Amino acid sequence: MSLRANRVSEQMKKELGEIISRKIKDPRIGFVTVTDVKVTGDLQQAVIYISVLGDEEQKQDTLKGLAKATGFIRAEIGQRIRLRKTPEISFEFDESIAYGNKIETLLKQIKED
């Protein structure tokens, strides 16, 4: 990833937290944490990694709500970050947190045995 793409992803991560928590009023969207943003080198695409508090149904509802608000979120990012073209955005769950928790649980089990 280029230095510029890295800077844009960090800026987007910062702005997205505020946009999602303050600007979007969709009741389907639960407590969301933006864990990472990956922007392509040409700044055309951005994948936003999120973690959501709640069960599987709440997570899926949140993803649907965010998908519906994609246009609004892109417009907000476009206003806040001065770019010639705002990247296309998509949301994905950050599985690394769940993976880390699973490893921690397994290590505790090994230690107890």
PDB file of N, CA and C in Angstrom:
ATOM      1  N   MET A   1       0.858  -1.191   0.000  1.00  0.00           N
ATOM      2  CA  MET A   1       0.000   0.000   0.000  1.00  0.00           C
ATOM      3  C   MET A   1       0.893   1.239   0.000  1.00  0.00           C
ATOM      4  N   SER A   2       0.561   2.187  -0.837  1.00  0.00           N
ATOM      5  CA  SER A   2       1.362   3.404  -0.926  1.00  0.00           C
ATOM      6  C   SER A   2       1.154   4.274   0.317  1.00  0.00           C
ATOM      7  N   LEU A   3       2.061   5.199   0.520  1.00  0.00           N
ATOM      8  CA  LEU A   3       1.980   6.096   1.673  1.00  0.00           C
ATOM      9  C   LEU A   3       0.688   6.912   1.625  1.00  0.00           C
ATOM     10  N   ARG A   4       0.339   7.368   0.431  1.00  0.00           N
ATOM     11  CA  ARG A   4      -0.884   8.159   0.274  1.00  0.00           C
ATOM     12  C   ARG A   4      -2.132   7.330   0.596  1.00  0.00           C
ATOM     13  N   ALA A   5      -2.177   6.107   0.072  1.00  0.00           N
ATOM     14  CA  ALA A   5      -3.320   5.229   0.344  1.00  0.00           C
ATOM     15  C   ALA A   5      -3.418   4.950   1.842  1.00  0.00           C
ATOM     16  N   ASN A   6      -2.269   4.789   2.480  1.00  0.00           N
ATOM     17  CA  ASN A   6      -2.217   4.554   3.917  1.00  0.00           C
ATOM     18  C   ASN A   6      -2.786   5.756   4.682  1.00  0.00           C
ATOM     19  N   ARG A   7      -2.384   6.949   4.255  1.00  0.00           N
ATOM     20  CA  ARG A   7      -2.880   8.174   4.897  1.00  0.00           C
ATOM     21  C   ARG A   7      -4.384   8.324   4.719  1.00  0.00           C
ATOM     22  N   VAL A   8      -4.859   8.047   3.506  1.00  0.00           N
ATOM     23  CA  VAL A   8      -6.297   8.147   3.218  1.00  0.00           C
ATOM     24  C   VAL A   8      -7.070   7.146   4.068  1.00  0.00           C
ATOM     25  N   SER A   9      -6.547   5.903   4.202  1.00  0.00           N
ATOM     26  CA  SER A   9      -7.270   4.901   4.997  1.00  0.00           C
ATOM     27  C   SER A   9      -7.322   5.281   6.474  1.00  0.00           C
ATOM     28  N   GLU A  10      -6.235   5.846   6.991  1.00  0.00           N
ATOM     29  CA  GLU A  10      -6.242   6.303   8.394  1.00  0.00           C
ATOM     30  C   GLU A  10      -7.251   7.435   8.594  1.00  0.00           C
ATOM     31  N   GLN A  11      -7.279   8.375   7.664  1.00  0.00           N
ATOM     32  CA  GLN A  11      -8.219   9.496   7.749  1.00  0.00           C
ATOM     33  C   GLN A  11      -9.658   8.993   7.663  1.00  0.00           C
ATOM     34  N   MET A  12      -9.903   8.054   6.739  1.00  0.00           N
ATOM     35  CA  MET A  12     -11.243   7.497   6.592  1.00  0.00           C
ATOM     36  C   MET A  12     -11.678   6.769   7.865  1.00  0.00           C
ATOM     37  N   LYS A  13     -10.764   6.015   8.457  1.00  0.00           N
ATOM     38  CA  LYS A  13     -11.073   5.268   9.679  1.00  0.00           C
ATOM     39  C   LYS A  13     -11.529   6.222  10.775  1.00  0.00           C
ATOM     40  N   LYS A  14     -10.812   7.338  10.913  1.00  0.00           N
ATOM     41  CA  LYS A  14     -11.149   8.338  11.925  1.00  0.00           C
ATOM     42  C   LYS A  14     -12.530   8.951  11.663  1.00  0.00           C
ATOM     43  N   GLU A  15     -12.770   9.338  10.423  1.00  0.00           N
ATOM     44  CA  GLU A  15     -14.043   9.982  10.067  1.00  0.00           C
ATOM     45  C   GLU A  15     -15.220   9.007  10.136  1.00  0.00           C
ATOM     46  N   LEU A  16     -15.009   7.761   9.725  1.00  0.00           N
ATOM     47  CA  LEU A  16     -16.089   6.776   9.708  1.00  0.00           C
ATOM     48  C   LEU A  16     -16.666   6.516  11.086  1.00  0.00           C
ATOM     49  N   GLY A  17     -15.813   6.466  12.092  1.00  0.00           N
ATOM     50  CA  GLY A  17     -16.293   6.254  13.455  1.00  0.00           C
ATOM     51  C   GLY A  17     -17.320   7.298  13.842  1.00  0.00           C
ATOM     52  N   GLU A  18     -17.014   8.537  13.513  1.00  0.00           N
ATOM     53  CA  GLU A  18     -17.933   9.634  13.837  1.00  0.00           C
ATOM     54  C   GLU A  18     -19.186   9.601  12.967  1.00  0.00           C
ATOM     55  N   ILE A  19     -19.026   9.348  11.687  1.00  0.00           N
ATOM     56  CA  ILE A  19     -20.173   9.320  10.770  1.00  0.00           C
ATOM     57  C   ILE A  19     -21.163   8.232  11.187  1.00  0.00           C
ATOM     58  N   ILE A  20     -20.646   7.021  11.447  1.00  0.00           N
ATOM     59  CA  ILE A  20     -21.532   5.901  11.784  1.00  0.00           C
ATOM     60  C   ILE A  20     -22.225   6.118  13.127  1.00  0.00           C
ATOM     61  N   SER A  21     -21.478   6.612  14.109  1.00  0.00           N
ATOM     62  CA  SER A  21     -22.087   6.756  15.438  1.00  0.00           C
ATOM     63  C   SER A  21     -22.992   7.980  15.566  1.00  0.00           C
ATOM     64  N   ARG A  22     -22.720   9.047  14.814  1.00  0.00           N
ATOM     65  CA  ARG A  22     -23.483  10.291  15.008  1.00  0.00           C
ATOM     66  C   ARG A  22     -24.476  10.633  13.914  1.00  0.00           C
ATOM     67  N   LYS A  23     -24.156  10.296  12.666  1.00  0.00           N
ATOM     68  CA  LYS A  23     -24.954  10.790  11.545  1.00  0.00           C
ATOM     69  C   LYS A  23     -26.025   9.809  11.056  1.00  0.00           C
ATOM     70  N   ILE A  24     -25.791   8.513  11.221  1.00  0.00           N
ATOM     71  CA  ILE A  24     -26.733   7.532  10.681  1.00  0.00           C
ATOM     72  C   ILE A  24     -27.772   7.182  11.742  1.00  0.00           C
ATOM     73  N   LYS A  25     -29.038   7.292  11.358  1.00  0.00           N
ATOM     74  CA  LYS A  25     -30.123   7.082  12.318  1.00  0.00           C
ATOM     75  C   LYS A  25     -30.867   5.764  12.094  1.00  0.00           C
ATOM     76  N   ASP A  26     -30.276   4.833  11.343  1.00  0.00           N
ATOM     77  CA  ASP A  26     -30.919   3.546  11.053  1.00  0.00           C
ATOM     78  C   ASP A  26     -30.959   2.693  12.324  1.00  0.00           C
ATOM     79  N   PRO A  27     -32.143   2.276  12.760  1.00  0.00           N
ATOM     80  CA  PRO A  27     -32.247   1.498  14.008  1.00  0.00           C
ATOM     81  C   PRO A  27     -31.607   0.104  13.915  1.00  0.00           C
ATOM     82  N   ARG A  28     -31.375  -0.377  12.681  1.00  0.00           N
ATOM     83  CA  ARG A  28     -30.751  -1.699  12.523  1.00  0.00           C
ATOM     84  C   ARG A  28     -29.277  -1.678  12.902  1.00  0.00           C
ATOM     85  N   ILE A  29     -28.679  -0.510  12.821  1.00  0.00           N
ATOM     86  CA  ILE A  29     -27.236  -0.424  13.059  1.00  0.00           C
ATOM     87  C   ILE A  29     -26.965  -0.382  14.557  1.00  0.00           C
ATOM     88  N   GLY A  30     -26.256  -1.395  15.015  1.00  0.00           N
ATOM     89  CA  GLY A  30     -25.935  -1.517  16.429  1.00  0.00           C
ATOM     90  C   GLY A  30     -24.654  -0.775  16.775  1.00  0.00           C
ATOM     91  N   PHE A  31     -23.983  -1.240  17.825  1.00  0.00           N
ATOM     92  CA  PHE A  31     -22.742  -0.623  18.267  1.00  0.00           C
ATOM     93  C   PHE A  31     -21.603  -1.113  17.368  1.00  0.00           C
ATOM     94  N   VAL A  32     -21.119  -0.228  16.503  1.00  0.00           N
ATOM     95  CA  VAL A  32     -20.112  -0.579  15.494  1.00  0.00           C
ATOM     96  C   VAL A  32     -18.771   0.037  15.838  1.00  0.00           C
ATOM     97  N   THR A  33     -17.712  -0.753  15.689  1.00  0.00           N
ATOM     98  CA  THR A  33     -16.359  -0.236  15.799  1.00  0.00           C
ATOM     99  C   THR A  33     -15.671  -0.461  14.461  1.00  0.00           C
ATOM    100  N   VAL A  34     -15.112   0.607  13.896  1.00  0.00           N
ATOM    101  CA  VAL A  34     -14.342   0.479  12.664  1.00  0.00           C
ATOM    102  C   VAL A  34     -12.941   0.058  13.071  1.00  0.00           C
ATOM    103  N   THR A  35     -12.558  -1.178  12.709  1.00  0.00           N
ATOM    104  CA  THR A  35     -11.265  -1.698  13.143  1.00  0.00           C
ATOM    105  C   THR A  35     -10.155  -1.410  12.145  1.00  0.00           C
ATOM    106  N   ASP A  36     -10.513  -1.328  10.856  1.00  0.00           N
ATOM    107  CA  ASP A  36      -9.488  -1.084   9.848  1.00  0.00           C
ATOM    108  C   ASP A  36     -10.142  -0.621   8.552  1.00  0.00           C
ATOM    109  N   VAL A  37      -9.375   0.096   7.738  1.00  0.00           N
ATOM    110  CA  VAL A  37      -9.819   0.496   6.407  1.00  0.00           C
ATOM    111  C   VAL A  37      -8.669   0.194   5.457  1.00  0.00           C
ATOM    112  N   LYS A  38      -8.956  -0.556   4.408  1.00  0.00           N
ATOM    113  CA  LYS A  38      -7.942  -0.869   3.396  1.00  0.00           C
ATOM    114  C   LYS A  38      -8.342  -0.175   2.104  1.00  0.00           C
ATOM    115  N   VAL A  39      -7.482   0.722   1.632  1.00  0.00           N
ATOM    116  CA  VAL A  39      -7.735   1.461   0.402  1.00  0.00           C
ATOM    117  C   VAL A  39      -6.759   0.960  -0.660  1.00  0.00           C
ATOM    118  N   THR A  40      -7.271   0.748  -1.872  1.00  0.00           N
ATOM    119  CA  THR A  40      -6.391   0.306  -2.953  1.00  0.00           C
ATOM    120  C   THR A  40      -5.425   1.424  -3.315  1.00  0.00           C
ATOM    121  N   GLY A  41      -4.315   1.059  -3.945  1.00  0.00           N
ATOM    122  CA  GLY A  41      -3.279   2.029  -4.310  1.00  0.00           C
ATOM    123  C   GLY A  41      -3.775   3.159  -5.190  1.00  0.00           C
ATOM    124  N   ASP A  42      -4.781   2.869  -6.040  1.00  0.00           N
ATOM    125  CA  ASP A  42      -5.326   3.915  -6.921  1.00  0.00           C
ATOM    126  C   ASP A  42      -6.463   4.707  -6.263  1.00  0.00           C
ATOM    127  N   LEU A  43      -6.725   4.417  -4.987  1.00  0.00           N
ATOM    128  CA  LEU A  43      -7.750   5.114  -4.192  1.00  0.00           C
ATOM    129  C   LEU A  43      -9.164   4.966  -4.752  1.00  0.00           C
ATOM    130  N   GLN A  44      -9.407   3.907  -5.520  1.00  0.00           N
ATOM    131  CA  GLN A  44     -10.730   3.701  -6.115  1.00  0.00           C
ATOM    132  C   GLN A  44     -11.656   2.860  -5.229  1.00  0.00           C
ATOM    133  N   GLN A  45     -11.073   1.964  -4.435  1.00  0.00           N
ATOM    134  CA  GLN A  45     -11.858   1.051  -3.610  1.00  0.00           C
ATOM    135  C   GLN A  45     -11.405   1.139  -2.158  1.00  0.00           C
ATOM    136  N   ALA A  46     -12.356   0.995  -1.242  1.00  0.00           N
ATOM    137  CA  ALA A  46     -12.017   0.947   0.180  1.00  0.00           C
ATOM    138  C   ALA A  46     -12.871  -0.132   0.843  1.00  0.00           C
ATOM    139  N   VAL A  47     -12.207  -1.039   1.544  1.00  0.00           N
ATOM    140  CA  VAL A  47     -12.917  -2.050   2.317  1.00  0.00           C
ATOM    141  C   VAL A  47     -12.836  -1.623   3.773  1.00  0.00           C
ATOM    142  N   ILE A  48     -13.991  -1.507   4.414  1.00  0.00           N
ATOM    143  CA  ILE A  48     -14.053  -1.058   5.799  1.00  0.00           C
ATOM    144  C   ILE A  48     -14.341  -2.270   6.666  1.00  0.00           C
ATOM    145  N   TYR A  49     -13.412  -2.565   7.573  1.00  0.00           N
ATOM    146  CA  TYR A  49     -13.566  -3.710   8.465  1.00  0.00           C
ATOM    147  C   TYR A  49     -14.196  -3.232   9.768  1.00  0.00           C
ATOM    148  N   ILE A  50     -15.261  -3.920  10.172  1.00  0.00           N
ATOM    149  CA  ILE A  50     -15.996  -3.513  11.368  1.00  0.00           C
ATOM    150  C   ILE A  50     -16.149  -4.683  12.331  1.00  0.00           C
ATOM    151  N   SER A  51     -16.312  -4.346  13.596  1.00  0.00           N
ATOM    152  CA  SER A  51     -16.756  -5.347  14.568  1.00  0.00           C
ATOM    153  C   SER A  51     -18.032  -4.791  15.184  1.00  0.00           C
ATOM    154  N   VAL A  52     -18.972  -5.691  15.451  1.00  0.00           N
ATOM    155  CA  VAL A  52     -20.290  -5.297  15.937  1.00  0.00           C
ATOM    156  C   VAL A  52     -20.585  -6.064  17.215  1.00  0.00           C
ATOM    157  N   LEU A  53     -21.073  -5.341  18.211  1.00  0.00           N
ATOM    158  CA  LEU A  53     -21.480  -5.984  19.454  1.00  0.00           C
ATOM    159  C   LEU A  53     -22.837  -6.648  19.229  1.00  0.00           C
ATOM    160  N   GLY A  54     -22.992  -7.877  19.677  1.00  0.00           N
ATOM    161  CA  GLY A  54     -24.286  -8.535  19.563  1.00  0.00           C
ATOM    162  C   GLY A  54     -24.191  -9.906  18.930  1.00  0.00           C
ATOM    163  N   ASP A  55     -25.366 -10.528  18.766  1.00  0.00           N
ATOM    164  CA  ASP A  55     -25.412 -11.865  18.183  1.00  0.00           C
ATOM    165  C   ASP A  55     -25.361 -11.794  16.656  1.00  0.00           C
ATOM    166  N   GLU A  56     -25.423 -12.959  16.024  1.00  0.00           N
ATOM    167  CA  GLU A  56     -25.289 -13.042  14.562  1.00  0.00           C
ATOM    168  C   GLU A  56     -26.373 -12.242  13.839  1.00  0.00           C
ATOM    169  N   GLU A  57     -27.601 -12.282  14.346  1.00  0.00           N
ATOM    170  CA  GLU A  57     -28.705 -11.552  13.713  1.00  0.00           C
ATOM    171  C   GLU A  57     -28.457 -10.042  13.772  1.00  0.00           C
ATOM    172  N   GLN A  58     -28.008  -9.551  14.928  1.00  0.00           N
ATOM    173  CA  GLN A  58     -27.722  -8.117  15.066  1.00  0.00           C
ATOM    174  C   GLN A  58     -26.586  -7.707  14.124  1.00  0.00           C
ATOM    175  N   LYS A  59     -25.596  -8.581  13.988  1.00  0.00           N
ATOM    176  CA  LYS A  59     -24.471  -8.286  13.087  1.00  0.00           C
ATOM    177  C   LYS A  59     -24.949  -8.180  11.640  1.00  0.00           C
ATOM    178  N   GLN A  60     -25.797  -9.122  11.223  1.00  0.00           N
ATOM    179  CA  GLN A  60     -26.311  -9.101   9.846  1.00  0.00           C
ATOM    180  C   GLN A  60     -27.197  -7.880   9.612  1.00  0.00           C
ATOM    181  N   ASP A  61     -28.031  -7.527  10.602  1.00  0.00           N
ATOM    182  CA  ASP A  61     -28.871  -6.328  10.484  1.00  0.00           C
ATOM    183  C   ASP A  61     -28.012  -5.078  10.342  1.00  0.00           C
ATOM    184  N   THR A  62     -26.935  -5.011  11.127  1.00  0.00           N
ATOM    185  CA  THR A  62     -26.034  -3.865  11.066  1.00  0.00           C
ATOM    186  C   THR A  62     -25.397  -3.771   9.687  1.00  0.00           C
ATOM    187  N   LEU A  63     -24.965  -4.907   9.153  1.00  0.00           N
ATOM    188  CA  LEU A  63     -24.349  -4.915   7.827  1.00  0.00           C
ATOM    189  C   LEU A  63     -25.331  -4.452   6.759  1.00  0.00           C
ATOM    190  N   LYS A  64     -26.604  -4.876   6.874  1.00  0.00           N
ATOM    191  CA  LYS A  64     -27.641  -4.443   5.922  1.00  0.00           C
ATOM    192  C   LYS A  64     -27.866  -2.937   6.025  1.00  0.00           C
ATOM    193  N   GLY A  65     -27.937  -2.441   7.266  1.00  0.00           N
ATOM    194  CA  GLY A  65     -28.136  -1.004   7.478  1.00  0.00           C
ATOM    195  C   GLY A  65     -26.999  -0.184   6.910  1.00  0.00           C
ATOM    196  N   LEU A  66     -25.770  -0.646   7.124  1.00  0.00           N
ATOM    197  CA  LEU A  66     -24.600   0.069   6.591  1.00  0.00           C
ATOM    198  C   LEU A  66     -24.577   0.013   5.065  1.00  0.00           C
ATOM    199  N   ALA A  67     -24.949  -1.142   4.505  1.00  0.00           N
ATOM    200  CA  ALA A  67     -24.984  -1.269   3.043  1.00  0.00           C
ATOM    201  C   ALA A  67     -25.989  -0.281   2.447  1.00  0.00           C
ATOM    202  N   LYS A  68     -27.132  -0.125   3.117  1.00  0.00           N
ATOM    203  CA  LYS A  68     -28.157   0.807   2.643  1.00  0.00           C
ATOM    204  C   LYS A  68     -27.676   2.265   2.742  1.00  0.00           C
ATOM    205  N   ALA A  69     -26.832   2.539   3.731  1.00  0.00           N
ATOM    206  CA  ALA A  69     -26.351   3.908   3.948  1.00  0.00           C
ATOM    207  C   ALA A  69     -25.032   4.211   3.217  1.00  0.00           C
ATOM    208  N   THR A  70     -24.580   3.292   2.372  1.00  0.00           N
ATOM    209  CA  THR A  70     -23.285   3.453   1.703  1.00  0.00           C
ATOM    210  C   THR A  70     -23.178   4.775   0.946  1.00  0.00           C
ATOM    211  N   GLY A  71     -24.212   5.136   0.199  1.00  0.00           N
ATOM    212  CA  GLY A  71     -24.189   6.383  -0.576  1.00  0.00           C
ATOM    213  C   GLY A  71     -24.021   7.601   0.322  1.00  0.00           C
ATOM    214  N   PHE A  72     -24.774   7.622   1.419  1.00  0.00           N
ATOM    215  CA  PHE A  72     -24.689   8.726   2.379  1.00  0.00           C
ATOM    216  C   PHE A  72     -23.295   8.776   3.008  1.00  0.00           C
ATOM    217  N   ILE A  73     -22.773   7.603   3.391  1.00  0.00           N
ATOM    218  CA  ILE A  73     -21.453   7.542   4.028  1.00  0.00           C
ATOM    219  C   ILE A  73     -20.378   8.042   3.064  1.00  0.00           C
ATOM    220  N   ARG A  74     -20.449   7.611   1.806  1.00  0.00           N
ATOM    221  CA  ARG A  74     -19.481   8.075   0.789  1.00  0.00           C
ATOM    222  C   ARG A  74     -19.537   9.596   0.630  1.00  0.00           C
ATOM    223  N   ALA A  75     -20.762  10.141   0.585  1.00  0.00           N
ATOM    224  CA  ALA A  75     -20.928  11.596   0.431  1.00  0.00           C
ATOM    225  C   ALA A  75     -20.303  12.327   1.619  1.00  0.00           C
ATOM    226  N   GLU A  76     -20.540  11.810   2.835  1.00  0.00           N
ATOM    227  CA  GLU A  76     -19.953  12.419   4.039  1.00  0.00           C
ATOM    228  C   GLU A  76     -18.425  12.382   3.992  1.00  0.00           C
ATOM    229  N   ILE A  77     -17.874  11.239   3.601  1.00  0.00           N
ATOM    230  CA  ILE A  77     -16.417  11.114   3.503  1.00  0.00           C
ATOM    231  C   ILE A  77     -15.888  12.084   2.456  1.00  0.00           C
ATOM    232  N   GLY A  78     -16.600  12.170   1.334  1.00  0.00           N
ATOM    233  CA  GLY A  78     -16.209  13.089   0.265  1.00  0.00           C
ATOM    234  C   GLY A  78     -16.141  14.535   0.729  1.00  0.00           C
ATOM    235  N   GLN A  79     -17.056  14.926   1.610  1.00  0.00           N
ATOM    236  CA  GLN A  79     -17.061  16.298   2.130  1.00  0.00           C
ATOM    237  C   GLN A  79     -15.929  16.517   3.126  1.00  0.00           C
ATOM    238  N   ARG A  80     -15.611  15.488   3.913  1.00  0.00           N
ATOM    239  CA  ARG A  80     -14.636  15.630   4.992  1.00  0.00           C
ATOM    240  C   ARG A  80     -13.190  15.463   4.525  1.00  0.00           C
ATOM    241  N   ILE A  81     -12.980  14.607   3.537  1.00  0.00           N
ATOM    242  CA  ILE A  81     -11.628  14.361   3.039  1.00  0.00           C
ATOM    243  C   ILE A  81     -11.541  14.910   1.623  1.00  0.00           C
ATOM    244  N   ARG A  82     -10.609  15.765   1.387  1.00  0.00           N
ATOM    245  CA  ARG A  82     -10.459  16.375   0.068  1.00  0.00           C
ATOM    246  C   ARG A  82      -9.768  15.409  -0.891  1.00  0.00           C
ATOM    247  N   LEU A  83     -10.581  14.686  -1.673  1.00  0.00           N
ATOM    248  CA  LEU A  83     -10.065  13.786  -2.696  1.00  0.00           C
ATOM    249  C   LEU A  83     -10.771  14.108  -4.000  1.00  0.00           C
ATOM    250  N   ARG A  84     -10.077  13.882  -5.123  1.00  0.00           N
ATOM    251  CA  ARG A  84     -10.710  14.133  -6.413  1.00  0.00           C
ATOM    252  C   ARG A  84     -11.898  13.191  -6.599  1.00  0.00           C
ATOM    253  N   LYS A  85     -11.702  11.926  -6.206  1.00  0.00           N
ATOM    254  CA  LYS A  85     -12.788  10.946  -6.323  1.00  0.00           C
ATOM    255  C   LYS A  85     -12.851  10.146  -5.023  1.00  0.00           C
ATOM    256  N   THR A  86     -14.025  10.098  -4.422  1.00  0.00           N
ATOM    257  CA  THR A  86     -14.201   9.331  -3.183  1.00  0.00           C
ATOM    258  C   THR A  86     -14.230   7.847  -3.534  1.00  0.00           C
ATOM    259  N   PRO A  87     -13.470   7.019  -2.810  1.00  0.00           N
ATOM    260  CA  PRO A  87     -13.446   5.578  -3.124  1.00  0.00           C
ATOM    261  C   PRO A  87     -14.805   4.912  -2.947  1.00  0.00           C
ATOM    262  N   GLU A  88     -15.049   3.880  -3.761  1.00  0.00           N
ATOM    263  CA  GLU A  88     -16.217   3.013  -3.571  1.00  0.00           C
ATOM    264  C   GLU A  88     -15.971   2.276  -2.259  1.00  0.00           C
ATOM    265  N   ILE A  89     -16.992   2.181  -1.404  1.00  0.00           N
ATOM    266  CA  ILE A  89     -16.776   1.521  -0.112  1.00  0.00           C
ATOM    267  C   ILE A  89     -17.611   0.253   0.026  1.00  0.00           C
ATOM    268  N   SER A  90     -17.054  -0.702   0.768  1.00  0.00           N
ATOM    269  CA  SER A  90     -17.789  -1.910   1.112  1.00  0.00           C
ATOM    270  C   SER A  90     -17.428  -2.258   2.548  1.00  0.00           C
ATOM    271  N   PHE A  91     -18.346  -2.931   3.218  1.00  0.00           N
ATOM    272  CA  PHE A  91     -18.147  -3.289   4.624  1.00  0.00           C
ATOM    273  C   PHE A  91     -17.945  -4.786   4.759  1.00  0.00           C
ATOM    274  N   GLU A  92     -17.032  -5.169   5.646  1.00  0.00           N
ATOM    275  CA  GLU A  92     -16.808  -6.577   5.961  1.00  0.00           C
ATOM    276  C   GLU A  92     -16.569  -6.695   7.451  1.00  0.00           C
ATOM    277  N   PHE A  93     -16.923  -7.870   7.996  1.00  0.00           N
ATOM    278  CA  PHE A  93     -16.661  -8.105   9.413  1.00  0.00           C
ATOM    279  C   PHE A  93     -15.181  -8.378   9.617  1.00  0.00           C
ATOM    280  N   ASP A  94     -14.644  -7.831  10.687  1.00  0.00           N
ATOM    281  CA  ASP A  94     -13.260  -8.105  11.054  1.00  0.00           C
ATOM    282  C   ASP A  94     -13.256  -9.378  11.889  1.00  0.00           C
ATOM    283  N   GLU A  95     -12.814 -10.443  11.288  1.00  0.00           N
ATOM    284  CA  GLU A  95     -12.831 -11.744  11.960  1.00  0.00           C
ATOM    285  C   GLU A  95     -11.641 -11.911  12.907  1.00  0.00           C
ATOM    286  N   SER A  96     -10.674 -11.017  12.845  1.00  0.00           N
ATOM    287  CA  SER A  96      -9.454 -11.177  13.643  1.00  0.00           C
ATOM    288  C   SER A  96      -9.730 -11.112  15.146  1.00  0.00           C
ATOM    289  N   ILE A  97     -10.719 -10.335  15.560  1.00  0.00           N
ATOM    290  CA  ILE A  97     -11.032 -10.218  16.989  1.00  0.00           C
ATOM    291  C   ILE A  97     -11.595 -11.544  17.506  1.00  0.00           C
ATOM    292  N   ALA A  98     -12.543 -12.118  16.771  1.00  0.00           N
ATOM    293  CA  ALA A  98     -13.118 -13.413  17.165  1.00  0.00           C
ATOM    294  C   ALA A  98     -12.037 -14.490  17.149  1.00  0.00           C
ATOM    295  N   TYR A  99     -11.170 -14.427  16.153  1.00  0.00           N
ATOM    296  CA  TYR A  99     -10.080 -15.395  16.040  1.00  0.00           C
ATOM    297  C   TYR A  99      -9.140 -15.280  17.236  1.00  0.00           C
ATOM    298  N   GLY A 100      -8.819 -14.056  17.613  1.00  0.00           N
ATOM    299  CA  GLY A 100      -7.959 -13.806  18.776  1.00  0.00           C
ATOM    300  C   GLY A 100      -8.582 -14.320  20.065  1.00  0.00           C
ATOM    301  N   ASN A 101      -9.887 -14.094  20.213  1.00  0.00           N
ATOM    302  CA  ASN A 101     -10.598 -14.592  21.406  1.00  0.00           C
ATOM    303  C   ASN A 101     -10.588 -16.111  21.465  1.00  0.00           C
ATOM    304  N   LYS A 102     -10.746 -16.750  20.314  1.00  0.00           N
ATOM    305  CA  LYS A 102     -10.741 -18.217  20.264  1.00  0.00           C
ATOM    306  C   LYS A 102      -9.368 -18.750  20.685  1.00  0.00           C
ATOM    307  N   ILE A 103      -8.310 -18.142  20.193  1.00  0.00           N
ATOM    308  CA  ILE A 103      -6.951 -18.557  20.555  1.00  0.00           C
ATOM    309  C   ILE A 103      -6.722 -18.377  22.052  1.00  0.00           C
ATOM    310  N   GLU A 104      -7.189 -17.248  22.584  1.00  0.00           N
ATOM    311  CA  GLU A 104      -7.031 -16.983  24.018  1.00  0.00           C
ATOM    312  C   GLU A 104      -7.745 -18.047  24.856  1.00  0.00           C
ATOM    313  N   THR A 105      -8.971 -18.410  24.440  1.00  0.00           N
ATOM    314  CA  THR A 105      -9.730 -19.452  25.144  1.00  0.00           C
ATOM    315  C   THR A 105      -8.990 -20.788  25.102  1.00  0.00           C
ATOM    316  N   LEU A 106      -8.472 -21.130  23.922  1.00  0.00           N
ATOM    317  CA  LEU A 106      -7.729 -22.390  23.788  1.00  0.00           C
ATOM    318  C   LEU A 106      -6.482 -22.403  24.668  1.00  0.00           C
ATOM    319  N   LEU A 107      -5.789 -21.277  24.723  1.00  0.00           N
ATOM    320  CA  LEU A 107      -4.571 -21.199  25.565  1.00  0.00           C
ATOM    321  C   LEU A 107      -4.918 -21.352  27.049  1.00  0.00           C
ATOM    322  N   LYS A 108      -6.049 -20.749  27.457  1.00  0.00           N
ATOM    323  CA  LYS A 108      -6.478 -20.909  28.867  1.00  0.00           C
ATOM    324  C   LYS A 108      -6.791 -22.365  29.175  1.00  0.00           C
ATOM    325  N   GLN A 109      -7.462 -23.061  28.215  1.00  0.00           N
ATOM    326  CA  GLN A 109      -7.801 -24.473  28.407  1.00  0.00           C
ATOM    327  C   GLN A 109      -6.532 -25.313  28.545  1.00  0.00           C
ATOM    328  N   ILE A 110      -5.544 -25.026  27.728  1.00  0.00           N
ATOM    329  CA  ILE A 110      -4.280 -25.770  27.788  1.00  0.00           C
ATOM    330  C   ILE A 110      -3.596 -25.547  29.141  1.00  0.00           C
ATOM    331  N   LYS A 111      -3.618 -24.313  29.588  1.00  0.00           N
ATOM    332  CA  LYS A 111      -2.984 -23.968  30.856  1.00  0.00           C
ATOM    333  C   LYS A 111      -3.667 -24.678  32.032  1.00  0.00           C
ATOM    334  N   GLU A 112      -5.026 -24.761  31.970  1.00  0.00           N
ATOM    335  CA  GLU A 112      -5.794 -25.416  33.025  1.00  0.00           C
ATOM    336  C   GLU A 112      -5.544 -26.923  33.061  1.00  0.00           C
ATOM    337  N   ASP A 113      -5.335 -27.523  31.886  1.00  0.00           N
ATOM    338  CA  ASP A 113      -5.092 -28.964  31.805  1.00  0.00           C
ATOM    339  C   ASP A 113      -3.693 -29.270  32.265  1.00  0.00           C
TER     340      ASP A 113
END
